[in-house]
Amino acid sequence: MFSKETLSYNAIPLPDRAEMSDAEMTAAAQAFHDTMRRRHSVRDYSPRPVPREVIESCIRTAGSAPSGANHQPWHFAAISDPAMKARIRAEAEEEERRFYDGGASDEWIKALEPIGTDASKPHLTIAPWLIVVFAQRWGEFDDGTRYKNYYVPESVNIATGFLLAALHHAGLVTLTHTPNPMKFLNEALGRPASEKPTMIIAVGHPSESATVPEVAKVKKPLDQIASFFD
């Protein structure tokens, strides 16, 4: 992506500028909140297909996120192939069985009880798409030499948030899944050692009988998640 010969600073005028009144800003912020509060983590998927073009647009949105030194240290592997999804499910469930059979503390297992999860992950094959998020620990110049990426976890986390918001905005539901360890995903998806898988995101439409845990609707109020110093 980067050439050593083009690493120079060149300022250009701000290409996009939002001109909104205070009232318009307030309305826009509230409208976005109303949209995002309808986002749910869903485990029950319909087999209804999702066009690749939708997934591509959402990943482009993720790719527009800010990042350390603008190195964009991420890769998104989007999978609809049934055989590959089956492989990912089989290996993820193997890791999950270890987790539930003693790999996790009793406290952690207890904390998961209100969510209703277990080692079975059928959504990994039923959902029409899986998106695996990779964090790129280092990159390469066009001549093959390495360069360091900066603020990789922070950058990838922001991009993943952009992706989840874009998928929700497109009318889709998602579920984030983090089997541990996830090194099998590098081999399965042909990704280099410089990249660390951070998350599997199931993407699709909810089934007619989809449910969510009641506790998932309980969100902390503003005064518990924010402080203001006017």
C-alpha atoms as a PDB file:
ATOM      1  CA  MET A   1       0.000   0.000   0.000  1.00  0.00           C
ATOM      2  CA  PHE A   2       2.718   2.468   0.995  1.00  0.00           C
ATOM      3  CA  SER A   3       5.756   3.534  -0.956  1.00  0.00           C
ATOM      4  CA  LYS A   4       8.764   4.944   0.872  1.00  0.00           C
ATOM      5  CA  GLU A   5       9.063   7.628  -1.800  1.00  0.00           C
ATOM      6  CA  THR A   6       5.562   9.041  -1.155  1.00  0.00           C
ATOM      7  CA  LEU A   7       5.718   9.455   2.631  1.00  0.00           C
ATOM      8  CA  SER A   8       5.346  13.207   2.758  1.00  0.00           C
ATOM      9  CA  TYR A   9       2.821  15.646   4.196  1.00  0.00           C
ATOM     10  CA  ASN A  10       0.564  17.495   1.769  1.00  0.00           C
ATOM     11  CA  ALA A  11      -2.420  19.463   3.107  1.00  0.00           C
ATOM     12  CA  ILE A  12      -5.617  19.749   1.035  1.00  0.00           C
ATOM     13  CA  PRO A  13      -8.800  21.702   1.811  1.00  0.00           C
ATOM     14  CA  LEU A  14     -11.341  19.835   3.924  1.00  0.00           C
ATOM     15  CA  PRO A  15     -13.236  17.897   1.216  1.00  0.00           C
ATOM     16  CA  ASP A  16     -16.468  17.338   3.155  1.00  0.00           C
ATOM     17  CA  ARG A  17     -18.023  19.841   5.518  1.00  0.00           C
ATOM     18  CA  ALA A  18     -21.333  19.540   7.377  1.00  0.00           C
ATOM     19  CA  GLU A  19     -23.178  22.816   7.832  1.00  0.00           C
ATOM     20  CA  MET A  20     -25.960  22.203  10.352  1.00  0.00           C
ATOM     21  CA  SER A  21     -27.726  24.435  12.834  1.00  0.00           C
ATOM     22  CA  ASP A  22     -27.772  23.479  16.509  1.00  0.00           C
ATOM     23  CA  ALA A  23     -31.347  22.265  16.093  1.00  0.00           C
ATOM     24  CA  GLU A  24     -30.402  20.150  13.071  1.00  0.00           C
ATOM     25  CA  MET A  25     -27.445  18.660  14.932  1.00  0.00           C
ATOM     26  CA  THR A  26     -29.651  17.769  17.895  1.00  0.00           C
ATOM     27  CA  ALA A  27     -32.233  16.150  15.628  1.00  0.00           C
ATOM     28  CA  ALA A  28     -29.581  14.224  13.691  1.00  0.00           C
ATOM     29  CA  ALA A  29     -27.923  12.957  16.875  1.00  0.00           C
ATOM     30  CA  GLN A  30     -31.260  11.803  18.271  1.00  0.00           C
ATOM     31  CA  ALA A  31     -32.227  10.135  14.990  1.00  0.00           C
ATOM     32  CA  PHE A  32     -28.969   8.182  14.913  1.00  0.00           C
ATOM     33  CA  HIS A  33     -29.466   7.138  18.528  1.00  0.00           C
ATOM     34  CA  ASP A  34     -32.990   5.960  17.707  1.00  0.00           C
ATOM     35  CA  THR A  35     -31.563   3.901  14.835  1.00  0.00           C
ATOM     36  CA  MET A  36     -28.734   2.352  16.829  1.00  0.00           C
ATOM     37  CA  ARG A  37     -30.831   1.483  19.892  1.00  0.00           C
ATOM     38  CA  ARG A  38     -32.752  -0.877  17.611  1.00  0.00           C
ATOM     39  CA  ARG A  39     -29.564  -2.851  17.002  1.00  0.00           C
ATOM     40  CA  HIS A  40     -29.568  -6.303  18.614  1.00  0.00           C
ATOM     41  CA  SER A  41     -27.104  -9.177  18.790  1.00  0.00           C
ATOM     42  CA  VAL A  42     -29.059 -12.008  17.146  1.00  0.00           C
ATOM     43  CA  ARG A  43     -28.336 -15.740  17.258  1.00  0.00           C
ATOM     44  CA  ASP A  44     -31.275 -16.965  15.177  1.00  0.00           C
ATOM     45  CA  TYR A  45     -30.806 -16.419  11.449  1.00  0.00           C
ATOM     46  CA  SER A  46     -32.881 -16.802   8.336  1.00  0.00           C
ATOM     47  CA  PRO A  47     -31.197 -18.517   5.360  1.00  0.00           C
ATOM     48  CA  ARG A  48     -32.340 -15.574   3.195  1.00  0.00           C
ATOM     49  CA  PRO A  49     -29.307 -14.533   1.145  1.00  0.00           C
ATOM     50  CA  VAL A  50     -27.678 -11.109   1.374  1.00  0.00           C
ATOM     51  CA  PRO A  51     -26.205  -9.613  -1.807  1.00  0.00           C
ATOM     52  CA  ARG A  52     -22.434  -9.373  -1.841  1.00  0.00           C
ATOM     53  CA  GLU A  53     -22.752  -5.715  -2.869  1.00  0.00           C
ATOM     54  CA  VAL A  54     -24.304  -4.903   0.524  1.00  0.00           C
ATOM     55  CA  ILE A  55     -21.406  -6.531   2.379  1.00  0.00           C
ATOM     56  CA  GLU A  56     -18.878  -4.758   0.157  1.00  0.00           C
ATOM     57  CA  SER A  57     -20.430  -1.353   0.880  1.00  0.00           C
ATOM     58  CA  CYS A  58     -20.444  -1.991   4.621  1.00  0.00           C
ATOM     59  CA  ILE A  59     -16.784  -3.051   4.574  1.00  0.00           C
ATOM     60  CA  ARG A  60     -15.927   0.093   2.610  1.00  0.00           C
ATOM     61  CA  THR A  61     -17.551   2.056   5.429  1.00  0.00           C
ATOM     62  CA  ALA A  62     -15.383   0.194   7.953  1.00  0.00           C
ATOM     63  CA  GLY A  63     -12.339   1.009   5.863  1.00  0.00           C
ATOM     64  CA  SER A  64     -13.078   4.734   6.194  1.00  0.00           C
ATOM     65  CA  ALA A  65     -12.443   4.657   9.960  1.00  0.00           C
ATOM     66  CA  PRO A  66      -9.600   6.683  11.484  1.00  0.00           C
ATOM     67  CA  SER A  67      -6.411   4.799  12.324  1.00  0.00           C
ATOM     68  CA  GLY A  68      -2.964   5.329  13.799  1.00  0.00           C
ATOM     69  CA  ALA A  69      -0.810   7.165  11.222  1.00  0.00           C
ATOM     70  CA  ASN A  70      -3.566   6.302   8.685  1.00  0.00           C
ATOM     71  CA  HIS A  71      -2.012   2.838   8.269  1.00  0.00           C
ATOM     72  CA  GLN A  72      -5.468   1.199   8.229  1.00  0.00           C
ATOM     73  CA  PRO A  73      -4.216  -1.962   9.979  1.00  0.00           C
ATOM     74  CA  TRP A  74      -7.186  -4.211   9.264  1.00  0.00           C
ATOM     75  CA  HIS A  75      -8.443  -6.866   6.919  1.00  0.00           C
ATOM     76  CA  PHE A  76     -12.014  -8.129   6.626  1.00  0.00           C
ATOM     77  CA  ALA A  77     -12.508 -11.644   5.255  1.00  0.00           C
ATOM     78  CA  ALA A  78     -16.128 -12.077   4.110  1.00  0.00           C
ATOM     79  CA  ILE A  79     -17.296 -15.677   3.719  1.00  0.00           C
ATOM     80  CA  SER A  80     -20.464 -17.037   2.177  1.00  0.00           C
ATOM     81  CA  ASP A  81     -19.052 -20.370   0.953  1.00  0.00           C
ATOM     82  CA  PRO A  82     -20.964 -23.124   2.842  1.00  0.00           C
ATOM     83  CA  ALA A  83     -17.969 -25.446   3.133  1.00  0.00           C
ATOM     84  CA  MET A  84     -15.738 -22.745   4.579  1.00  0.00           C
ATOM     85  CA  LYS A  85     -18.449 -21.660   7.011  1.00  0.00           C
ATOM     86  CA  ALA A  86     -18.822 -25.291   8.122  1.00  0.00           C
ATOM     87  CA  ARG A  87     -15.075 -25.544   8.720  1.00  0.00           C
ATOM     88  CA  ILE A  88     -15.074 -22.348  10.767  1.00  0.00           C
ATOM     89  CA  ARG A  89     -18.047 -23.549  12.806  1.00  0.00           C
ATOM     90  CA  ALA A  90     -16.445 -26.933  13.518  1.00  0.00           C
ATOM     91  CA  GLU A  91     -13.185 -25.403  14.706  1.00  0.00           C
ATOM     92  CA  ALA A  92     -14.892 -22.627  16.657  1.00  0.00           C
ATOM     93  CA  GLU A  93     -17.167 -25.109  18.441  1.00  0.00           C
ATOM     94  CA  GLU A  94     -14.148 -27.209  19.375  1.00  0.00           C
ATOM     95  CA  GLU A  95     -12.619 -24.181  21.080  1.00  0.00           C
ATOM     96  CA  GLU A  96     -15.960 -23.345  22.704  1.00  0.00           C
ATOM     97  CA  ARG A  97     -16.302 -26.845  24.157  1.00  0.00           C
ATOM     98  CA  ARG A  98     -12.933 -26.421  25.845  1.00  0.00           C
ATOM     99  CA  PHE A  99     -14.138 -23.096  27.212  1.00  0.00           C
ATOM    100  CA  TYR A 100     -17.363 -24.475  28.688  1.00  0.00           C
ATOM    101  CA  ASP A 101     -15.739 -27.717  29.887  1.00  0.00           C
ATOM    102  CA  GLY A 102     -13.310 -26.039  32.243  1.00  0.00           C
ATOM    103  CA  GLY A 103     -11.341 -23.497  30.266  1.00  0.00           C
ATOM    104  CA  ALA A 104     -13.336 -20.627  31.753  1.00  0.00           C
ATOM    105  CA  SER A 105     -13.727 -19.716  35.401  1.00  0.00           C
ATOM    106  CA  ASP A 106     -16.972 -20.431  37.233  1.00  0.00           C
ATOM    107  CA  GLU A 107     -17.472 -16.678  37.575  1.00  0.00           C
ATOM    108  CA  TRP A 108     -17.244 -16.190  33.814  1.00  0.00           C
ATOM    109  CA  ILE A 109     -19.658 -19.039  33.095  1.00  0.00           C
ATOM    110  CA  LYS A 110     -22.070 -17.589  35.674  1.00  0.00           C
ATOM    111  CA  ALA A 111     -21.879 -14.182  34.009  1.00  0.00           C
ATOM    112  CA  LEU A 112     -22.912 -15.751  30.691  1.00  0.00           C
ATOM    113  CA  GLU A 113     -26.017 -17.478  32.077  1.00  0.00           C
ATOM    114  CA  PRO A 114     -28.414 -14.538  31.426  1.00  0.00           C
ATOM    115  CA  ILE A 115     -27.222 -14.484  27.812  1.00  0.00           C
ATOM    116  CA  GLY A 116     -28.095 -18.158  27.276  1.00  0.00           C
ATOM    117  CA  THR A 117     -24.994 -19.173  25.328  1.00  0.00           C
ATOM    118  CA  ASP A 118     -23.335 -22.586  25.080  1.00  0.00           C
ATOM    119  CA  ALA A 119     -20.779 -24.354  22.890  1.00  0.00           C
ATOM    120  CA  SER A 120     -23.207 -24.860  19.994  1.00  0.00           C
ATOM    121  CA  LYS A 121     -22.876 -22.157  17.321  1.00  0.00           C
ATOM    122  CA  PRO A 122     -25.342 -22.967  14.516  1.00  0.00           C
ATOM    123  CA  HIS A 123     -25.432 -19.325  13.456  1.00  0.00           C
ATOM    124  CA  LEU A 124     -21.953 -19.771  11.977  1.00  0.00           C
ATOM    125  CA  THR A 125     -23.399 -21.926   9.195  1.00  0.00           C
ATOM    126  CA  ILE A 126     -26.961 -20.573   8.966  1.00  0.00           C
ATOM    127  CA  ALA A 127     -26.094 -16.881   8.651  1.00  0.00           C
ATOM    128  CA  PRO A 128     -25.481 -16.120   4.958  1.00  0.00           C
ATOM    129  CA  TRP A 129     -22.236 -14.274   5.679  1.00  0.00           C
ATOM    130  CA  LEU A 130     -19.418 -14.423   8.184  1.00  0.00           C
ATOM    131  CA  ILE A 131     -16.961 -11.543   8.372  1.00  0.00           C
ATOM    132  CA  VAL A 132     -13.679 -12.290  10.128  1.00  0.00           C
ATOM    133  CA  VAL A 133     -11.861  -9.197  11.367  1.00  0.00           C
ATOM    134  CA  PHE A 134      -8.051  -9.301  11.303  1.00  0.00           C
ATOM    135  CA  ALA A 135      -5.701  -6.833  12.980  1.00  0.00           C
ATOM    136  CA  GLN A 136      -2.524  -6.207  10.994  1.00  0.00           C
ATOM    137  CA  ARG A 137       0.387  -6.025  13.425  1.00  0.00           C
ATOM    138  CA  TRP A 138       2.815  -4.842  10.768  1.00  0.00           C
ATOM    139  CA  GLY A 139       2.665  -3.930   7.104  1.00  0.00           C
ATOM    140  CA  GLU A 140       5.004  -3.964   4.137  1.00  0.00           C
ATOM    141  CA  PHE A 141       6.215  -1.266   1.807  1.00  0.00           C
ATOM    142  CA  ASP A 142       5.996  -1.858  -1.912  1.00  0.00           C
ATOM    143  CA  ASP A 143       9.604  -3.110  -1.825  1.00  0.00           C
ATOM    144  CA  GLY A 144       8.736  -5.810   0.720  1.00  0.00           C
ATOM    145  CA  THR A 145      10.330  -4.262   3.808  1.00  0.00           C
ATOM    146  CA  ARG A 146       8.262  -4.091   6.984  1.00  0.00           C
ATOM    147  CA  TYR A 147       6.863  -1.031   8.693  1.00  0.00           C
ATOM    148  CA  LYS A 148       5.284  -0.803  12.123  1.00  0.00           C
ATOM    149  CA  ASN A 149       1.579  -0.153  12.593  1.00  0.00           C
ATOM    150  CA  TYR A 150       0.471   2.064  15.477  1.00  0.00           C
ATOM    151  CA  TYR A 151      -2.517   1.883  17.821  1.00  0.00           C
ATOM    152  CA  VAL A 152      -3.588  -1.322  16.125  1.00  0.00           C
ATOM    153  CA  PRO A 153      -6.208  -2.543  18.668  1.00  0.00           C
ATOM    154  CA  GLU A 154      -7.739   0.921  18.945  1.00  0.00           C
ATOM    155  CA  SER A 155      -7.838   1.390  15.173  1.00  0.00           C
ATOM    156  CA  VAL A 156      -9.335  -2.032  14.473  1.00  0.00           C
ATOM    157  CA  ASN A 157     -11.916  -1.606  17.223  1.00  0.00           C
ATOM    158  CA  ILE A 158     -13.082   1.693  15.727  1.00  0.00           C
ATOM    159  CA  ALA A 159     -13.314   0.152  12.254  1.00  0.00           C
ATOM    160  CA  THR A 160     -15.282  -2.794  13.641  1.00  0.00           C
ATOM    161  CA  GLY A 161     -17.722  -0.373  15.255  1.00  0.00           C
ATOM    162  CA  PHE A 162     -18.150   1.363  11.904  1.00  0.00           C
ATOM    163  CA  LEU A 163     -18.817  -2.034  10.312  1.00  0.00           C
ATOM    164  CA  LEU A 164     -21.448  -3.062  12.856  1.00  0.00           C
ATOM    165  CA  ALA A 165     -23.219   0.280  12.500  1.00  0.00           C
ATOM    166  CA  ALA A 166     -23.148   0.038   8.689  1.00  0.00           C
ATOM    167  CA  LEU A 167     -24.569  -3.491   8.707  1.00  0.00           C
ATOM    168  CA  HIS A 168     -27.353  -2.411  11.054  1.00  0.00           C
ATOM    169  CA  HIS A 169     -28.067   0.640   8.882  1.00  0.00           C
ATOM    170  CA  ALA A 170     -28.417  -1.747   5.913  1.00  0.00           C
ATOM    171  CA  GLY A 171     -31.205  -3.616   7.725  1.00  0.00           C
ATOM    172  CA  LEU A 172     -29.108  -6.600   8.792  1.00  0.00           C
ATOM    173  CA  VAL A 173     -28.490  -8.213  12.164  1.00  0.00           C
ATOM    174  CA  THR A 174     -25.151  -9.347  13.527  1.00  0.00           C
ATOM    175  CA  LEU A 175     -23.532 -11.412  16.242  1.00  0.00           C
ATOM    176  CA  THR A 176     -19.939 -10.972  17.350  1.00  0.00           C
ATOM    177  CA  HIS A 177     -18.119 -14.163  18.251  1.00  0.00           C
ATOM    178  CA  THR A 178     -14.624 -14.513  19.719  1.00  0.00           C
ATOM    179  CA  PRO A 179     -13.499 -18.119  20.119  1.00  0.00           C
ATOM    180  CA  ASN A 180     -10.156 -18.340  21.863  1.00  0.00           C
ATOM    181  CA  PRO A 181      -7.654 -19.057  20.424  1.00  0.00           C
ATOM    182  CA  MET A 182      -8.495 -18.085  16.840  1.00  0.00           C
ATOM    183  CA  LYS A 183      -5.246 -18.924  15.051  1.00  0.00           C
ATOM    184  CA  PHE A 184      -7.092 -21.532  12.970  1.00  0.00           C
ATOM    185  CA  LEU A 185      -8.662 -18.655  11.034  1.00  0.00           C
ATOM    186  CA  ASN A 186      -5.310 -17.589   9.540  1.00  0.00           C
ATOM    187  CA  GLU A 187      -4.841 -21.010   7.988  1.00  0.00           C
ATOM    188  CA  ALA A 188      -8.481 -21.395   6.967  1.00  0.00           C
ATOM    189  CA  LEU A 189      -8.579 -18.002   5.235  1.00  0.00           C
ATOM    190  CA  GLY A 190      -5.004 -17.806   3.973  1.00  0.00           C
ATOM    191  CA  ARG A 191      -4.050 -14.752   6.014  1.00  0.00           C
ATOM    192  CA  PRO A 192      -0.400 -13.968   6.845  1.00  0.00           C
ATOM    193  CA  ALA A 193       1.266 -14.245  10.243  1.00  0.00           C
ATOM    194  CA  SER A 194       1.291 -10.440  10.486  1.00  0.00           C
ATOM    195  CA  GLU A 195      -2.475 -10.501  10.990  1.00  0.00           C
ATOM    196  CA  LYS A 196      -4.263 -11.514  14.181  1.00  0.00           C
ATOM    197  CA  PRO A 197      -7.940 -12.553  13.994  1.00  0.00           C
ATOM    198  CA  THR A 198      -9.970 -10.588  16.516  1.00  0.00           C
ATOM    199  CA  MET A 199     -13.583 -11.461  15.827  1.00  0.00           C
ATOM    200  CA  ILE A 200     -16.060 -13.446  13.743  1.00  0.00           C
ATOM    201  CA  ILE A 201     -19.201 -11.489  12.852  1.00  0.00           C
ATOM    202  CA  ALA A 202     -22.259 -13.430  11.700  1.00  0.00           C
ATOM    203  CA  VAL A 203     -24.368 -11.318   9.320  1.00  0.00           C
ATOM    204  CA  GLY A 204     -27.827 -11.808   7.898  1.00  0.00           C
ATOM    205  CA  HIS A 205     -31.553 -11.481   8.469  1.00  0.00           C
ATOM    206  CA  PRO A 206     -33.224 -12.646  11.691  1.00  0.00           C
ATOM    207  CA  SER A 207     -35.349 -15.780  11.557  1.00  0.00           C
ATOM    208  CA  GLU A 208     -39.099 -15.491  12.070  1.00  0.00           C
ATOM    209  CA  SER A 209     -38.664 -16.992  15.549  1.00  0.00           C
ATOM    210  CA  ALA A 210     -35.606 -14.949  16.539  1.00  0.00           C
ATOM    211  CA  THR A 211     -35.300 -13.995  20.191  1.00  0.00           C
ATOM    212  CA  VAL A 212     -32.875 -11.962  22.274  1.00  0.00           C
ATOM    213  CA  PRO A 213     -32.074 -12.296  25.981  1.00  0.00           C
ATOM    214  CA  GLU A 214     -34.258  -9.988  28.046  1.00  0.00           C
ATOM    215  CA  VAL A 215     -31.175  -8.747  29.878  1.00  0.00           C
ATOM    216  CA  ALA A 216     -29.762  -7.481  26.576  1.00  0.00           C
ATOM    217  CA  LYS A 217     -32.362  -4.711  26.600  1.00  0.00           C
ATOM    218  CA  VAL A 218     -31.060  -3.387  29.905  1.00  0.00           C
ATOM    219  CA  LYS A 219     -28.651  -0.541  29.173  1.00  0.00           C
ATOM    220  CA  LYS A 220     -26.903   1.738  31.637  1.00  0.00           C
ATOM    221  CA  PRO A 221     -28.351   5.261  31.801  1.00  0.00           C
ATOM    222  CA  LEU A 222     -26.354   8.229  30.573  1.00  0.00           C
ATOM    223  CA  ASP A 223     -25.306   9.336  34.046  1.00  0.00           C
ATOM    224  CA  GLN A 224     -23.565   5.990  34.556  1.00  0.00           C
ATOM    225  CA  ILE A 225     -21.626   5.970  31.299  1.00  0.00           C
ATOM    226  CA  ALA A 226     -20.674   9.639  30.915  1.00  0.00           C
ATOM    227  CA  SER A 227     -19.324  12.610  32.825  1.00  0.00           C
ATOM    228  CA  PHE A 228     -19.676  16.196  31.643  1.00  0.00           C
ATOM    229  CA  PHE A 229     -17.459  19.119  32.648  1.00  0.00           C
ATOM    230  CA  ASP A 230     -19.181  22.150  31.146  1.00  0.00           C
END
